[in-house]
Amino acid sequence: MKVVGYGRCSTAEQAAKGVSIEVQRRAVERVAEGNGWDLTWLADEGVSGGVPPESRRRFKAARHCWRLVSHRR
């Protein structure tokens, strides 16, 4: 199954507290690998949570990928 993973981290401080993009990616990859899923990973780094999702470049791309994948089932 093809799946889309998305991560976001707005500040270096958040990354230092363990929510870095890389930490998020590894967690999602573990789940995908454990289930035999084909993962496409996208992330917005340095983007505030106050920015609406539809204004985040990689979020929009992830949503587009998901729509493509979900319509192929």
N, C-alpha and C. Protein backbone atom coordinates (compact mmCIF):
# COMPACT_ATOMS: atom_id res chain seq x y z
N MET A 1 0.85 -1.17 0.00
CA MET A 1 0.00 0.00 0.00
C MET A 1 0.90 1.23 0.00
N LYS A 2 0.53 2.22 -0.77
CA LYS A 2 1.25 3.50 -0.79
C LYS A 2 0.62 4.43 0.24
N VAL A 3 1.50 5.08 1.03
CA VAL A 3 1.03 6.01 2.04
C VAL A 3 1.87 7.29 1.98
N VAL A 4 1.31 8.36 2.51
CA VAL A 4 2.00 9.65 2.55
C VAL A 4 2.19 10.04 4.01
N GLY A 5 3.43 10.38 4.37
CA GLY A 5 3.72 10.86 5.71
C GLY A 5 4.11 12.32 5.64
N TYR A 6 3.72 13.08 6.65
CA TYR A 6 4.00 14.52 6.68
C TYR A 6 4.49 14.91 8.06
N GLY A 7 5.51 15.75 8.10
CA GLY A 7 6.01 16.27 9.36
C GLY A 7 6.21 17.77 9.29
N ARG A 8 6.24 18.40 10.49
CA ARG A 8 6.46 19.84 10.56
C ARG A 8 7.15 20.16 11.86
N CYS A 9 8.10 21.06 11.78
CA CYS A 9 8.80 21.55 12.97
C CYS A 9 9.13 23.01 12.70
N SER A 10 8.76 23.88 13.62
CA SER A 10 8.92 25.30 13.33
C SER A 10 10.21 25.91 13.85
N THR A 11 10.77 25.36 14.93
CA THR A 11 11.93 26.03 15.52
C THR A 11 13.03 25.04 15.91
N ALA A 12 14.24 25.55 16.03
CA ALA A 12 15.36 24.74 16.50
C ALA A 12 15.12 24.28 17.94
N GLU A 13 14.43 25.11 18.72
CA GLU A 13 14.12 24.75 20.10
C GLU A 13 13.23 23.50 20.15
N GLN A 14 12.23 23.45 19.29
CA GLN A 14 11.37 22.26 19.24
C GLN A 14 12.18 21.04 18.83
N ALA A 15 13.06 21.22 17.87
CA ALA A 15 13.90 20.11 17.41
C ALA A 15 14.76 19.59 18.56
N ALA A 16 15.29 20.51 19.37
CA ALA A 16 16.13 20.12 20.51
C ALA A 16 15.32 19.36 21.56
N LYS A 17 14.03 19.59 21.62
CA LYS A 17 13.17 18.91 22.60
C LYS A 17 12.65 17.58 22.08
N GLY A 18 13.14 17.15 20.92
CA GLY A 18 12.80 15.82 20.43
C GLY A 18 11.68 15.73 19.43
N VAL A 19 11.28 16.84 18.86
CA VAL A 19 10.23 16.78 17.84
C VAL A 19 10.75 17.21 16.48
N SER A 20 12.03 16.98 16.24
CA SER A 20 12.63 17.37 14.97
C SER A 20 11.98 16.62 13.81
N ILE A 21 12.18 17.13 12.63
CA ILE A 21 11.68 16.48 11.42
C ILE A 21 12.22 15.05 11.34
N GLU A 22 13.50 14.89 11.67
CA GLU A 22 14.11 13.56 11.57
C GLU A 22 13.49 12.58 12.56
N VAL A 23 13.19 13.03 13.77
CA VAL A 23 12.53 12.17 14.76
C VAL A 23 11.14 11.77 14.26
N GLN A 24 10.41 12.73 13.73
CA GLN A 24 9.08 12.45 13.19
C GLN A 24 9.17 11.45 12.04
N ARG A 25 10.13 11.70 11.15
CA ARG A 25 10.28 10.83 9.98
C ARG A 25 10.60 9.39 10.40
N ARG A 26 11.52 9.23 11.33
CA ARG A 26 11.88 7.88 11.78
C ARG A 26 10.68 7.15 12.38
N ALA A 27 9.87 7.87 13.14
CA ALA A 27 8.69 7.25 13.75
C ALA A 27 7.70 6.79 12.68
N VAL A 28 7.48 7.63 11.69
CA VAL A 28 6.55 7.28 10.62
C VAL A 28 7.13 6.14 9.77
N GLU A 29 8.43 6.18 9.51
CA GLU A 29 9.06 5.11 8.73
C GLU A 29 8.94 3.76 9.44
N ARG A 30 9.09 3.75 10.78
CA ARG A 30 8.95 2.50 11.53
C ARG A 30 7.55 1.89 11.35
N VAL A 31 6.55 2.74 11.43
CA VAL A 31 5.18 2.26 11.26
C VAL A 31 4.98 1.75 9.84
N ALA A 32 5.45 2.52 8.86
CA ALA A 32 5.29 2.12 7.46
C ALA A 32 6.01 0.79 7.18
N GLU A 33 7.25 0.69 7.64
CA GLU A 33 8.01 -0.54 7.43
C GLU A 33 7.36 -1.74 8.13
N GLY A 34 6.88 -1.51 9.33
CA GLY A 34 6.23 -2.58 10.09
C GLY A 34 4.97 -3.10 9.43
N ASN A 35 4.36 -2.27 8.62
CA ASN A 35 3.13 -2.66 7.94
C ASN A 35 3.34 -2.98 6.46
N GLY A 36 4.59 -2.86 6.00
CA GLY A 36 4.87 -3.14 4.60
C GLY A 36 4.37 -2.09 3.64
N TRP A 37 4.22 -0.87 4.13
CA TRP A 37 3.72 0.22 3.30
C TRP A 37 4.84 0.91 2.54
N ASP A 38 4.52 1.43 1.37
CA ASP A 38 5.44 2.20 0.55
C ASP A 38 5.23 3.68 0.91
N LEU A 39 6.18 4.25 1.65
CA LEU A 39 6.03 5.60 2.21
C LEU A 39 6.62 6.68 1.31
N THR A 40 5.85 7.73 1.10
CA THR A 40 6.35 8.98 0.54
C THR A 40 6.34 9.98 1.68
N TRP A 41 7.50 10.58 1.99
CA TRP A 41 7.64 11.49 3.12
C TRP A 41 7.82 12.92 2.63
N LEU A 42 7.08 13.83 3.22
CA LEU A 42 7.20 15.26 2.94
C LEU A 42 7.18 16.01 4.27
N ALA A 43 7.91 17.13 4.33
CA ALA A 43 7.97 17.87 5.59
C ALA A 43 8.14 19.36 5.33
N ASP A 44 7.57 20.15 6.20
CA ASP A 44 7.75 21.59 6.23
C ASP A 44 8.60 21.91 7.45
N GLU A 45 9.81 22.36 7.22
CA GLU A 45 10.72 22.70 8.31
C GLU A 45 10.76 24.23 8.44
N GLY A 46 10.70 24.71 9.67
CA GLY A 46 10.74 26.15 9.90
C GLY A 46 9.43 26.84 9.60
N VAL A 47 8.33 26.08 9.67
CA VAL A 47 7.00 26.64 9.40
C VAL A 47 6.20 26.61 10.69
N SER A 48 5.73 27.73 11.14
CA SER A 48 4.98 27.85 12.38
C SER A 48 3.67 27.07 12.31
N GLY A 49 3.27 26.52 13.45
CA GLY A 49 1.98 25.87 13.55
C GLY A 49 0.83 26.84 13.34
N GLY A 50 1.12 28.13 13.46
CA GLY A 50 0.09 29.14 13.23
C GLY A 50 -0.21 29.36 11.76
N VAL A 51 0.65 28.84 10.88
CA VAL A 51 0.42 28.95 9.44
C VAL A 51 -0.61 27.89 9.05
N PRO A 52 -1.71 28.30 8.43
CA PRO A 52 -2.74 27.33 8.06
C PRO A 52 -2.16 26.23 7.17
N PRO A 53 -2.59 24.98 7.36
CA PRO A 53 -2.06 23.89 6.56
C PRO A 53 -2.12 24.15 5.06
N GLU A 54 -3.19 24.74 4.60
CA GLU A 54 -3.33 24.98 3.16
C GLU A 54 -2.32 26.00 2.63
N SER A 55 -1.61 26.69 3.54
CA SER A 55 -0.57 27.64 3.14
C SER A 55 0.83 27.05 3.24
N ARG A 56 0.93 25.80 3.66
CA ARG A 56 2.24 25.14 3.80
C ARG A 56 2.54 24.35 2.53
N ARG A 57 3.67 24.66 1.92
CA ARG A 57 4.03 24.08 0.62
C ARG A 57 4.02 22.55 0.64
N ARG A 58 4.72 21.95 1.58
CA ARG A 58 4.82 20.49 1.60
C ARG A 58 3.53 19.83 2.07
N PHE A 59 2.76 20.50 2.91
CA PHE A 59 1.47 19.95 3.32
C PHE A 59 0.57 19.84 2.10
N LYS A 60 0.56 20.89 1.29
CA LYS A 60 -0.25 20.85 0.07
C LYS A 60 0.19 19.72 -0.85
N ALA A 61 1.50 19.53 -0.97
CA ALA A 61 2.02 18.44 -1.80
C ALA A 61 1.62 17.08 -1.23
N ALA A 62 1.70 16.93 0.10
CA ALA A 62 1.30 15.68 0.75
C ALA A 62 -0.18 15.40 0.50
N ARG A 63 -0.99 16.42 0.63
CA ARG A 63 -2.43 16.25 0.39
C ARG A 63 -2.70 15.84 -1.06
N HIS A 64 -1.96 16.44 -1.98
CA HIS A 64 -2.10 16.10 -3.40
C HIS A 64 -1.71 14.64 -3.64
N CYS A 65 -0.58 14.22 -3.06
CA CYS A 65 -0.13 12.82 -3.18
C CYS A 65 -1.18 11.88 -2.61
N TRP A 66 -1.72 12.22 -1.45
CA TRP A 66 -2.73 11.38 -0.82
C TRP A 66 -3.95 11.23 -1.73
N ARG A 67 -4.35 12.33 -2.34
CA ARG A 67 -5.52 12.26 -3.23
C ARG A 67 -5.24 11.33 -4.41
N LEU A 68 -4.04 11.43 -4.97
CA LEU A 68 -3.68 10.54 -6.08
C LEU A 68 -3.70 9.09 -5.65
N VAL A 69 -3.10 8.80 -4.50
CA VAL A 69 -3.02 7.44 -3.99
C VAL A 69 -4.40 6.91 -3.63
N SER A 70 -5.21 7.71 -2.97
CA SER A 70 -6.51 7.23 -2.49
C SER A 70 -7.47 6.96 -3.64
N HIS A 71 -7.29 7.61 -4.78
CA HIS A 71 -8.19 7.38 -5.91
C HIS A 71 -7.79 6.16 -6.73
N ARG A 72 -6.64 5.58 -6.43
CA ARG A 72 -6.18 4.40 -7.18
C ARG A 72 -6.61 3.10 -6.53
N ARG A 73 -7.28 3.14 -5.42
CA ARG A 73 -7.67 1.91 -4.71
C ARG A 73 -8.76 1.18 -5.42
